[in-house]
Amino acid sequence: MKGRATAAEAEDRVQGTGSPQERIREESPHGRTPRPGRPSFVVRPGSDVYVPAFDVRADACTAAQVRLGGDVLDGRTVPLSPSDPDTAAAQIAHAGRLLGQAAELTR
């Protein structure tokens, strides 16, 4: 179907950016050598890749830059007006803009 991607296609797209590093696992997590058969791959995200993440609650929104490995690089929290959805949406967008401006300053 158009617009849908398999896990392998999504992985290929991400690897095309050059950000993750893939290698064959040489040992199991328990220190044993791998068994015969299909090798296990270890994929580590690149340290220079991050995604925006938002934690939206009734009274506040936190926007953060998060590395693909899960490390939080930066975050901004803004209060929300829960009684007015349009204002709350504008405040969430504002949190994202603040985060984007901070990212531009660190490049």
PDB file of N, CA and C in Angstrom:
ATOM      1  N   MET A   1       0.828  -1.194   0.000  1.00  0.00           N
ATOM      2  CA  MET A   1       0.000   0.000   0.000  1.00  0.00           C
ATOM      3  C   MET A   1       0.867   1.249   0.000  1.00  0.00           C
ATOM      4  N   LYS A   2       0.419   2.236  -0.719  1.00  0.00           N
ATOM      5  CA  LYS A   2       1.153   3.487  -0.762  1.00  0.00           C
ATOM      6  C   LYS A   2       1.041   4.191   0.592  1.00  0.00           C
ATOM      7  N   GLY A   3       2.152   4.769   1.043  1.00  0.00           N
ATOM      8  CA  GLY A   3       2.132   5.498   2.302  1.00  0.00           C
ATOM      9  C   GLY A   3       2.474   4.651   3.515  1.00  0.00           C
ATOM     10  N   ARG A   4       2.616   3.355   3.338  1.00  0.00           N
ATOM     11  CA  ARG A   4       2.979   2.490   4.456  1.00  0.00           C
ATOM     12  C   ARG A   4       4.363   1.920   4.191  1.00  0.00           C
ATOM     13  N   ALA A   5       5.120   1.742   5.243  1.00  0.00           N
ATOM     14  CA  ALA A   5       6.470   1.203   5.095  1.00  0.00           C
ATOM     15  C   ALA A   5       6.646   0.004   6.010  1.00  0.00           C
ATOM     16  N   THR A   6       7.376  -0.972   5.526  1.00  0.00           N
ATOM     17  CA  THR A   6       7.720  -2.096   6.383  1.00  0.00           C
ATOM     18  C   THR A   6       8.853  -1.665   7.304  1.00  0.00           C
ATOM     19  N   ALA A   7       9.111  -2.460   8.328  1.00  0.00           N
ATOM     20  CA  ALA A   7      10.209  -2.147   9.244  1.00  0.00           C
ATOM     21  C   ALA A   7      11.534  -2.089   8.488  1.00  0.00           C
ATOM     22  N   ALA A   8      11.729  -2.997   7.548  1.00  0.00           N
ATOM     23  CA  ALA A   8      12.980  -3.010   6.778  1.00  0.00           C
ATOM     24  C   ALA A   8      13.119  -1.743   5.941  1.00  0.00           C
ATOM     25  N   GLU A   9      12.018  -1.280   5.334  1.00  0.00           N
ATOM     26  CA  GLU A   9      12.079  -0.048   4.542  1.00  0.00           C
ATOM     27  C   GLU A   9      12.395   1.150   5.427  1.00  0.00           C
ATOM     28  N   ALA A  10      11.770   1.202   6.601  1.00  0.00           N
ATOM     29  CA  ALA A  10      12.034   2.304   7.529  1.00  0.00           C
ATOM     30  C   ALA A  10      13.491   2.282   7.980  1.00  0.00           C
ATOM     31  N   GLU A  11      14.009   1.095   8.260  1.00  0.00           N
ATOM     32  CA  GLU A  11      15.413   0.975   8.665  1.00  0.00           C
ATOM     33  C   GLU A  11      16.333   1.434   7.545  1.00  0.00           C
ATOM     34  N   ASP A  12      16.028   1.047   6.311  1.00  0.00           N
ATOM     35  CA  ASP A  12      16.842   1.471   5.173  1.00  0.00           C
ATOM     36  C   ASP A  12      16.858   2.988   5.040  1.00  0.00           C
ATOM     37  N   ARG A  13      15.713   3.616   5.252  1.00  0.00           N
ATOM     38  CA  ARG A  13      15.643   5.081   5.154  1.00  0.00           C
ATOM     39  C   ARG A  13      16.515   5.737   6.214  1.00  0.00           C
ATOM     40  N   VAL A  14      16.419   5.241   7.452  1.00  0.00           N
ATOM     41  CA  VAL A  14      17.216   5.823   8.536  1.00  0.00           C
ATOM     42  C   VAL A  14      18.700   5.584   8.282  1.00  0.00           C
ATOM     43  N   GLN A  15      19.058   4.389   7.842  1.00  0.00           N
ATOM     44  CA  GLN A  15      20.466   4.102   7.578  1.00  0.00           C
ATOM     45  C   GLN A  15      20.988   4.932   6.415  1.00  0.00           C
ATOM     46  N   GLY A  16      20.111   5.313   5.503  1.00  0.00           N
ATOM     47  CA  GLY A  16      20.512   6.154   4.384  1.00  0.00           C
ATOM     48  C   GLY A  16      20.997   7.523   4.826  1.00  0.00           C
ATOM     49  N   THR A  17      20.608   7.954   6.019  1.00  0.00           N
ATOM     50  CA  THR A  17      21.068   9.234   6.545  1.00  0.00           C
ATOM     51  C   THR A  17      22.480   9.140   7.088  1.00  0.00           C
ATOM     52  N   GLY A  18      22.964   7.906   7.298  1.00  0.00           N
ATOM     53  CA  GLY A  18      24.303   7.722   7.838  1.00  0.00           C
ATOM     54  C   GLY A  18      24.377   7.874   9.337  1.00  0.00           C
ATOM     55  N   SER A  19      23.247   8.043  10.011  1.00  0.00           N
ATOM     56  CA  SER A  19      23.283   8.286  11.446  1.00  0.00           C
ATOM     57  C   SER A  19      23.455   7.038  12.298  1.00  0.00           C
ATOM     58  N   PRO A  20      22.752   5.943  12.025  1.00  0.00           N
ATOM     59  CA  PRO A  20      22.988   4.786  12.890  1.00  0.00           C
ATOM     60  C   PRO A  20      24.222   4.019  12.435  1.00  0.00           C
ATOM     61  N   GLN A  21      24.830   3.341  13.373  1.00  0.00           N
ATOM     62  CA  GLN A  21      25.983   2.511  13.060  1.00  0.00           C
ATOM     63  C   GLN A  21      25.575   1.068  13.300  1.00  0.00           C
ATOM     64  N   GLU A  22      25.706   0.233  12.280  1.00  0.00           N
ATOM     65  CA  GLU A  22      25.292  -1.155  12.382  1.00  0.00           C
ATOM     66  C   GLU A  22      26.520  -2.047  12.305  1.00  0.00           C
ATOM     67  N   ARG A  23      26.561  -3.040  13.178  1.00  0.00           N
ATOM     68  CA  ARG A  23      27.648  -4.012  13.120  1.00  0.00           C
ATOM     69  C   ARG A  23      27.105  -5.353  13.576  1.00  0.00           C
ATOM     70  N   ILE A  24      27.829  -6.410  13.228  1.00  0.00           N
ATOM     71  CA  ILE A  24      27.431  -7.746  13.656  1.00  0.00           C
ATOM     72  C   ILE A  24      27.906  -7.949  15.087  1.00  0.00           C
ATOM     73  N   ARG A  25      27.010  -8.473  15.919  1.00  0.00           N
ATOM     74  CA  ARG A  25      27.361  -8.741  17.311  1.00  0.00           C
ATOM     75  C   ARG A  25      28.393  -9.861  17.338  1.00  0.00           C
ATOM     76  N   GLU A  26      29.505  -9.605  18.016  1.00  0.00           N
ATOM     77  CA  GLU A  26      30.566 -10.601  18.095  1.00  0.00           C
ATOM     78  C   GLU A  26      30.387 -11.532  19.282  1.00  0.00           C
ATOM     79  N   GLU A  27      29.710 -11.069  20.320  1.00  0.00           N
ATOM     80  CA  GLU A  27      29.430 -11.890  21.491  1.00  0.00           C
ATOM     81  C   GLU A  27      28.001 -11.668  21.905  1.00  0.00           C
ATOM     82  N   SER A  28      27.434 -12.651  22.539  1.00  0.00           N
ATOM     83  CA  SER A  28      26.095 -12.472  23.082  1.00  0.00           C
ATOM     84  C   SER A  28      26.214 -11.620  24.341  1.00  0.00           C
ATOM     85  N   PRO A  29      25.103 -11.078  24.843  1.00  0.00           N
ATOM     86  CA  PRO A  29      25.167 -10.291  26.075  1.00  0.00           C
ATOM     87  C   PRO A  29      25.693 -11.101  27.258  1.00  0.00           C
ATOM     88  N   HIS A  30      25.666 -12.423  27.152  1.00  0.00           N
ATOM     89  CA  HIS A  30      26.104 -13.278  28.256  1.00  0.00           C
ATOM     90  C   HIS A  30      27.551 -13.723  28.095  1.00  0.00           C
ATOM     91  N   GLY A  31      28.270 -13.176  27.117  1.00  0.00           N
ATOM     92  CA  GLY A  31      29.671 -13.478  26.929  1.00  0.00           C
ATOM     93  C   GLY A  31      29.959 -14.690  26.064  1.00  0.00           C
ATOM     94  N   ARG A  32      28.934 -15.339  25.573  1.00  0.00           N
ATOM     95  CA  ARG A  32      29.137 -16.514  24.714  1.00  0.00           C
ATOM     96  C   ARG A  32      29.267 -16.068  23.262  1.00  0.00           C
ATOM     97  N   THR A  33      29.988 -16.851  22.483  1.00  0.00           N
ATOM     98  CA  THR A  33      30.070 -16.543  21.055  1.00  0.00           C
ATOM     99  C   THR A  33      28.731 -16.863  20.414  1.00  0.00           C
ATOM    100  N   PRO A  34      28.368 -16.159  19.358  1.00  0.00           N
ATOM    101  CA  PRO A  34      27.068 -16.389  18.722  1.00  0.00           C
ATOM    102  C   PRO A  34      26.947 -17.806  18.174  1.00  0.00           C
ATOM    103  N   ARG A  35      25.733 -18.274  18.133  1.00  0.00           N
ATOM    104  CA  ARG A  35      25.451 -19.597  17.560  1.00  0.00           C
ATOM    105  C   ARG A  35      25.474 -19.510  16.045  1.00  0.00           C
ATOM    106  N   PRO A  36      25.609 -20.665  15.388  1.00  0.00           N
ATOM    107  CA  PRO A  36      25.555 -20.666  13.924  1.00  0.00           C
ATOM    108  C   PRO A  36      24.190 -20.175  13.447  1.00  0.00           C
ATOM    109  N   GLY A  37      24.154 -19.658  12.246  1.00  0.00           N
ATOM    110  CA  GLY A  37      22.901 -19.175  11.682  1.00  0.00           C
ATOM    111  C   GLY A  37      22.993 -17.705  11.361  1.00  0.00           C
ATOM    112  N   ARG A  38      21.848 -17.087  11.282  1.00  0.00           N
ATOM    113  CA  ARG A  38      21.783 -15.669  10.933  1.00  0.00           C
ATOM    114  C   ARG A  38      22.439 -14.831  12.030  1.00  0.00           C
ATOM    115  N   PRO A  39      23.372 -13.945  11.660  1.00  0.00           N
ATOM    116  CA  PRO A  39      24.057 -13.159  12.695  1.00  0.00           C
ATOM    117  C   PRO A  39      23.135 -12.105  13.306  1.00  0.00           C
ATOM    118  N   SER A  40      23.387 -11.795  14.556  1.00  0.00           N
ATOM    119  CA  SER A  40      22.647 -10.729  15.232  1.00  0.00           C
ATOM    120  C   SER A  40      23.326  -9.402  14.932  1.00  0.00           C
ATOM    121  N   PHE A  41      22.529  -8.404  14.598  1.00  0.00           N
ATOM    122  CA  PHE A  41      23.069  -7.079  14.336  1.00  0.00           C
ATOM    123  C   PHE A  41      22.830  -6.184  15.541  1.00  0.00           C
ATOM    124  N   VAL A  42      23.765  -5.285  15.762  1.00  0.00           N
ATOM    125  CA  VAL A  42      23.633  -4.271  16.794  1.00  0.00           C
ATOM    126  C   VAL A  42      23.570  -2.939  16.059  1.00  0.00           C
ATOM    127  N   VAL A  43      22.537  -2.162  16.307  1.00  0.00           N
ATOM    128  CA  VAL A  43      22.396  -0.853  15.677  1.00  0.00           C
ATOM    129  C   VAL A  43      22.494   0.200  16.762  1.00  0.00           C
ATOM    130  N   ARG A  44      23.466   1.070  16.629  1.00  0.00           N
ATOM    131  CA  ARG A  44      23.645   2.157  17.589  1.00  0.00           C
ATOM    132  C   ARG A  44      23.325   3.475  16.876  1.00  0.00           C
ATOM    133  N   PRO A  45      22.502   4.306  17.503  1.00  0.00           N
ATOM    134  CA  PRO A  45      22.177   5.583  16.862  1.00  0.00           C
ATOM    135  C   PRO A  45      23.383   6.510  16.859  1.00  0.00           C
ATOM    136  N   GLY A  46      23.486   7.323  15.827  1.00  0.00           N
ATOM    137  CA  GLY A  46      24.541   8.324  15.770  1.00  0.00           C
ATOM    138  C   GLY A  46      24.325   9.380  16.839  1.00  0.00           C
ATOM    139  N   SER A  47      25.400   9.937  17.348  1.00  0.00           N
ATOM    140  CA  SER A  47      25.288  10.908  18.438  1.00  0.00           C
ATOM    141  C   SER A  47      24.821  12.274  17.956  1.00  0.00           C
ATOM    142  N   ASP A  48      24.831  12.510  16.644  1.00  0.00           N
ATOM    143  CA  ASP A  48      24.455  13.820  16.123  1.00  0.00           C
ATOM    144  C   ASP A  48      22.997  13.897  15.678  1.00  0.00           C
ATOM    145  N   VAL A  49      22.237  12.846  15.896  1.00  0.00           N
ATOM    146  CA  VAL A  49      20.849  12.816  15.443  1.00  0.00           C
ATOM    147  C   VAL A  49      19.920  12.944  16.639  1.00  0.00           C
ATOM    148  N   TYR A  50      18.950  13.839  16.517  1.00  0.00           N
ATOM    149  CA  TYR A  50      17.955  13.979  17.572  1.00  0.00           C
ATOM    150  C   TYR A  50      16.597  14.254  16.950  1.00  0.00           C
ATOM    151  N   VAL A  51      15.578  14.052  17.749  1.00  0.00           N
ATOM    152  CA  VAL A  51      14.209  14.283  17.297  1.00  0.00           C
ATOM    153  C   VAL A  51      13.511  15.185  18.306  1.00  0.00           C
ATOM    154  N   PRO A  52      12.499  15.936  17.868  1.00  0.00           N
ATOM    155  CA  PRO A  52      11.713  16.706  18.831  1.00  0.00           C
ATOM    156  C   PRO A  52      10.735  15.782  19.546  1.00  0.00           C
ATOM    157  N   ALA A  53      10.539  16.029  20.824  1.00  0.00           N
ATOM    158  CA  ALA A  53       9.578  15.253  21.615  1.00  0.00           C
ATOM    159  C   ALA A  53       8.756  16.228  22.444  1.00  0.00           C
ATOM    160  N   PHE A  54       7.477  15.935  22.586  1.00  0.00           N
ATOM    161  CA  PHE A  54       6.588  16.813  23.340  1.00  0.00           C
ATOM    162  C   PHE A  54       5.861  16.019  24.412  1.00  0.00           C
ATOM    163  N   ASP A  55       5.819  16.571  25.616  1.00  0.00           N
ATOM    164  CA  ASP A  55       5.034  16.010  26.717  1.00  0.00           C
ATOM    165  C   ASP A  55       3.957  17.043  27.023  1.00  0.00           C
ATOM    166  N   VAL A  56       2.744  16.765  26.569  1.00  0.00           N
ATOM    167  CA  VAL A  56       1.640  17.719  26.721  1.00  0.00           C
ATOM    168  C   VAL A  56       0.764  17.267  27.883  1.00  0.00           C
ATOM    169  N   ARG A  57       0.606  18.142  28.848  1.00  0.00           N
ATOM    170  CA  ARG A  57      -0.243  17.873  30.017  1.00  0.00           C
ATOM    171  C   ARG A  57      -1.312  18.952  30.091  1.00  0.00           C
ATOM    172  N   ALA A  58      -2.206  18.828  31.026  1.00  0.00           N
ATOM    173  CA  ALA A  58      -3.324  19.775  31.125  1.00  0.00           C
ATOM    174  C   ALA A  58      -2.847  21.195  31.394  1.00  0.00           C
ATOM    175  N   ASP A  59      -1.769  21.352  32.155  1.00  0.00           N
ATOM    176  CA  ASP A  59      -1.352  22.692  32.569  1.00  0.00           C
ATOM    177  C   ASP A  59      -0.029  23.168  31.963  1.00  0.00           C
ATOM    178  N   ALA A  60       0.693  22.284  31.267  1.00  0.00           N
ATOM    179  CA  ALA A  60       1.992  22.677  30.712  1.00  0.00           C
ATOM    180  C   ALA A  60       2.395  21.740  29.577  1.00  0.00           C
ATOM    181  N   CYS A  61       3.319  22.231  28.755  1.00  0.00           N
ATOM    182  CA  CYS A  61       3.887  21.422  27.667  1.00  0.00           C
ATOM    183  C   CYS A  61       5.406  21.529  27.751  1.00  0.00           C
ATOM    184  N   THR A  62       6.061  20.387  27.697  1.00  0.00           N
ATOM    185  CA  THR A  62       7.518  20.363  27.636  1.00  0.00           C
ATOM    186  C   THR A  62       7.917  19.884  26.248  1.00  0.00           C
ATOM    187  N   ALA A  63       8.738  20.675  25.580  1.00  0.00           N
ATOM    188  CA  ALA A  63       9.307  20.296  24.290  1.00  0.00           C
ATOM    189  C   ALA A  63      10.773  19.986  24.543  1.00  0.00           C
ATOM    190  N   ALA A  64      11.264  18.893  23.966  1.00  0.00           N
ATOM    191  CA  ALA A  64      12.650  18.494  24.209  1.00  0.00           C
ATOM    192  C   ALA A  64      13.297  17.978  22.936  1.00  0.00           C
ATOM    193  N   GLN A  65      14.625  18.090  22.894  1.00  0.00           N
ATOM    194  CA  GLN A  65      15.425  17.456  21.852  1.00  0.00           C
ATOM    195  C   GLN A  65      15.936  16.159  22.459  1.00  0.00           C
ATOM    196  N   VAL A  66      15.622  15.032  21.817  1.00  0.00           N
ATOM    197  CA  VAL A  66      15.987  13.728  22.364  1.00  0.00           C
ATOM    198  C   VAL A  66      16.792  12.964  21.321  1.00  0.00           C
ATOM    199  N   ARG A  67      17.960  12.475  21.714  1.00  0.00           N
ATOM    200  CA  ARG A  67      18.753  11.637  20.809  1.00  0.00           C
ATOM    201  C   ARG A  67      18.025  10.329  20.576  1.00  0.00           C
ATOM    202  N   LEU A  68      18.307   9.691  19.461  1.00  0.00           N
ATOM    203  CA  LEU A  68      17.660   8.425  19.147  1.00  0.00           C
ATOM    204  C   LEU A  68      17.955   7.370  20.199  1.00  0.00           C
ATOM    205  N   GLY A  69      19.043   7.507  20.932  1.00  0.00           N
ATOM    206  CA  GLY A  69      19.358   6.584  22.013  1.00  0.00           C
ATOM    207  C   GLY A  69      18.603   6.884  23.293  1.00  0.00           C
ATOM    208  N   GLY A  70      17.883   8.022  23.346  1.00  0.00           N
ATOM    209  CA  GLY A  70      17.076   8.352  24.513  1.00  0.00           C
ATOM    210  C   GLY A  70      17.604   9.475  25.379  1.00  0.00           C
ATOM    211  N   ASP A  71      18.836   9.948  25.148  1.00  0.00           N
ATOM    212  CA  ASP A  71      19.377  11.045  25.941  1.00  0.00           C
ATOM    213  C   ASP A  71      18.646  12.341  25.613  1.00  0.00           C
ATOM    214  N   VAL A  72      18.236  13.080  26.648  1.00  0.00           N
ATOM    215  CA  VAL A  72      17.578  14.373  26.460  1.00  0.00           C
ATOM    216  C   VAL A  72      18.661  15.444  26.382  1.00  0.00           C
ATOM    217  N   LEU A  73      18.699  16.168  25.265  1.00  0.00           N
ATOM    218  CA  LEU A  73      19.719  17.190  25.055  1.00  0.00           C
ATOM    219  C   LEU A  73      19.312  18.540  25.615  1.00  0.00           C
ATOM    220  N   ASP A  74      18.045  18.884  25.479  1.00  0.00           N
ATOM    221  CA  ASP A  74      17.573  20.200  25.888  1.00  0.00           C
ATOM    222  C   ASP A  74      16.063  20.134  26.015  1.00  0.00           C
ATOM    223  N   GLY A  75      15.503  21.002  26.824  1.00  0.00           N
ATOM    224  CA  GLY A  75      14.055  21.029  26.959  1.00  0.00           C
ATOM    225  C   GLY A  75      13.551  22.400  27.370  1.00  0.00           C
ATOM    226  N   ARG A  76      12.332  22.693  26.993  1.00  0.00           N
ATOM    227  CA  ARG A  76      11.664  23.943  27.355  1.00  0.00           C
ATOM    228  C   ARG A  76      10.243  23.608  27.792  1.00  0.00           C
ATOM    229  N   THR A  77       9.807  24.194  28.901  1.00  0.00           N
ATOM    230  CA  THR A  77       8.444  23.985  29.390  1.00  0.00           C
ATOM    231  C   THR A  77       7.707  25.314  29.360  1.00  0.00           C
ATOM    232  N   VAL A  78       6.491  25.286  28.837  1.00  0.00           N
ATOM    233  CA  VAL A  78       5.648  26.482  28.825  1.00  0.00           C
ATOM    234  C   VAL A  78       4.307  26.130  29.456  1.00  0.00           C
ATOM    235  N   PRO A  79       3.710  27.080  30.186  1.00  0.00           N
ATOM    236  CA  PRO A  79       2.383  26.826  30.752  1.00  0.00           C
ATOM    237  C   PRO A  79       1.331  26.808  29.646  1.00  0.00           C
ATOM    238  N   LEU A  80       0.266  26.059  29.865  1.00  0.00           N
ATOM    239  CA  LEU A  80      -0.830  25.984  28.896  1.00  0.00           C
ATOM    240  C   LEU A  80      -2.103  26.566  29.486  1.00  0.00           C
ATOM    241  N   SER A  81      -2.971  27.017  28.598  1.00  0.00           N
ATOM    242  CA  SER A  81      -4.309  27.475  28.972  1.00  0.00           C
ATOM    243  C   SER A  81      -5.287  26.374  28.590  1.00  0.00           C
ATOM    244  N   PRO A  82      -5.557  25.430  29.501  1.00  0.00           N
ATOM    245  CA  PRO A  82      -6.376  24.276  29.130  1.00  0.00           C
ATOM    246  C   PRO A  82      -7.813  24.614  28.765  1.00  0.00           C
ATOM    247  N   SER A  83      -8.292  25.789  29.151  1.00  0.00           N
ATOM    248  CA  SER A  83      -9.686  26.120  28.852  1.00  0.00           C
ATOM    249  C   SER A  83      -9.891  26.550  27.401  1.00  0.00           C
ATOM    250  N   ASP A  84      -8.818  26.887  26.697  1.00  0.00           N
ATOM    251  CA  ASP A  84      -8.924  27.356  25.314  1.00  0.00           C
ATOM    252  C   ASP A  84      -8.000  26.526  24.419  1.00  0.00           C
ATOM    253  N   PRO A  85      -8.539  25.552  23.674  1.00  0.00           N
ATOM    254  CA  PRO A  85      -7.695  24.679  22.845  1.00  0.00           C
ATOM    255  C   PRO A  85      -6.845  25.430  21.822  1.00  0.00           C
ATOM    256  N   ASP A  86      -7.372  26.500  21.230  1.00  0.00           N
ATOM    257  CA  ASP A  86      -6.596  27.246  20.237  1.00  0.00           C
ATOM    258  C   ASP A  86      -5.376  27.904  20.876  1.00  0.00           C
ATOM    259  N   THR A  87      -5.575  28.485  22.056  1.00  0.00           N
ATOM    260  CA  THR A  87      -4.454  29.103  22.769  1.00  0.00           C
ATOM    261  C   THR A  87      -3.451  28.043  23.195  1.00  0.00           C
ATOM    262  N   ALA A  88      -3.944  26.901  23.676  1.00  0.00           N
ATOM    263  CA  ALA A  88      -3.050  25.809  24.082  1.00  0.00           C
ATOM    264  C   ALA A  88      -2.216  25.336  22.896  1.00  0.00           C
ATOM    265  N   ALA A  89      -2.836  25.202  21.719  1.00  0.00           N
ATOM    266  CA  ALA A  89      -2.101  24.779  20.523  1.00  0.00           C
ATOM    267  C   ALA A  89      -1.021  25.798  20.165  1.00  0.00           C
ATOM    268  N   ALA A  90      -1.340  27.078  20.278  1.00  0.00           N
ATOM    269  CA  ALA A  90      -0.355  28.125  19.993  1.00  0.00           C
ATOM    270  C   ALA A  90       0.793  28.071  20.999  1.00  0.00           C
ATOM    271  N   GLN A  91       0.480  27.761  22.256  1.00  0.00           N
ATOM    272  CA  GLN A  91       1.523  27.674  23.276  1.00  0.00           C
ATOM    273  C   GLN A  91       2.428  26.460  23.043  1.00  0.00           C
ATOM    274  N   ILE A  92       1.859  25.348  22.579  1.00  0.00           N
ATOM    275  CA  ILE A  92       2.659  24.164  22.251  1.00  0.00           C
ATOM    276  C   ILE A  92       3.590  24.481  21.077  1.00  0.00           C
ATOM    277  N   ALA A  93       3.063  25.157  20.063  1.00  0.00           N
ATOM    278  CA  ALA A  93       3.889  25.561  18.921  1.00  0.00           C
ATOM    279  C   ALA A  93       5.008  26.494  19.378  1.00  0.00           C
ATOM    280  N   HIS A  94       4.699  27.381  20.328  1.00  0.00           N
ATOM    281  CA  HIS A  94       5.706  28.301  20.870  1.00  0.00           C
ATOM    282  C   HIS A  94       6.832  27.516  21.549  1.00  0.00           C
ATOM    283  N   ALA A  95       6.483  26.476  22.309  1.00  0.00           N
ATOM    284  CA  ALA A  95       7.503  25.644  22.967  1.00  0.00           C
ATOM    285  C   ALA A  95       8.411  25.004  21.918  1.00  0.00           C
ATOM    286  N   GLY A  96       7.827  24.532  20.833  1.00  0.00           N
ATOM    287  CA  GLY A  96       8.622  23.945  19.754  1.00  0.00           C
ATOM    288  C   GLY A  96       9.540  24.960  19.098  1.00  0.00           C
ATOM    289  N   ARG A  97       9.042  26.181  18.898  1.00  0.00           N
ATOM    290  CA  ARG A  97       9.879  27.231  18.299  1.00  0.00           C
ATOM    291  C   ARG A  97      11.049  27.582  19.215  1.00  0.00           C
ATOM    292  N   LEU A  98      10.791  27.682  20.529  1.00  0.00           N
ATOM    293  CA  LEU A  98      11.871  27.966  21.476  1.00  0.00           C
ATOM    294  C   LEU A  98      12.958  26.900  21.388  1.00  0.00           C
ATOM    295  N   LEU A  99      12.527  25.670  21.291  1.00  0.00           N
ATOM    296  CA  LEU A  99      13.469  24.560  21.194  1.00  0.00           C
ATOM    297  C   LEU A  99      14.260  24.638  19.889  1.00  0.00           C
ATOM    298  N   GLY A 100      13.585  24.948  18.793  1.00  0.00           N
ATOM    299  CA  GLY A 100      14.264  25.086  17.507  1.00  0.00           C
ATOM    300  C   GLY A 100      15.277  26.216  17.512  1.00  0.00           C
ATOM    301  N   GLN A 101      14.929  27.330  18.148  1.00  0.00           N
ATOM    302  CA  GLN A 101      15.862  28.451  18.241  1.00  0.00           C
ATOM    303  C   GLN A 101      17.089  28.065  19.051  1.00  0.00           C
ATOM    304  N   ALA A 102      16.878  27.326  20.135  1.00  0.00           N
ATOM    305  CA  ALA A 102      18.008  26.879  20.955  1.00  0.00           C
ATOM    306  C   ALA A 102      18.906  25.940  20.161  1.00  0.00           C
ATOM    307  N   ALA A 103      18.307  25.082  19.339  1.00  0.00           N
ATOM    308  CA  ALA A 103      19.093  24.146  18.524  1.00  0.00           C
ATOM    309  C   ALA A 103      19.940  24.902  17.509  1.00  0.00           C
ATOM    310  N   GLU A 104      19.378  25.951  16.914  1.00  0.00           N
ATOM    311  CA  GLU A 104      20.125  26.740  15.935  1.00  0.00           C
ATOM    312  C   GLU A 104      21.327  27.419  16.586  1.00  0.00           C
ATOM    313  N   LEU A 105      21.183  27.840  17.836  1.00  0.00           N
ATOM    314  CA  LEU A 105      22.280  28.511  18.528  1.00  0.00           C
ATOM    315  C   LEU A 105      23.431  27.565  18.837  1.00  0.00           C
ATOM    316  N   THR A 106      23.132  26.282  18.989  1.00  0.00           N
ATOM    317  CA  THR A 106      24.174  25.322  19.356  1.00  0.00           C
ATOM    318  C   THR A 106      24.854  24.697  18.146  1.00  0.00           C
ATOM    319  N   ARG A 107      24.405  24.984  16.947  1.00  0.00           N
ATOM    320  CA  ARG A 107      25.028  24.392  15.743  1.00  0.00           C
ATOM    321  C   ARG A 107      26.248  25.139  15.336  1.00  0.00           C
TER     322      ARG A 107
END
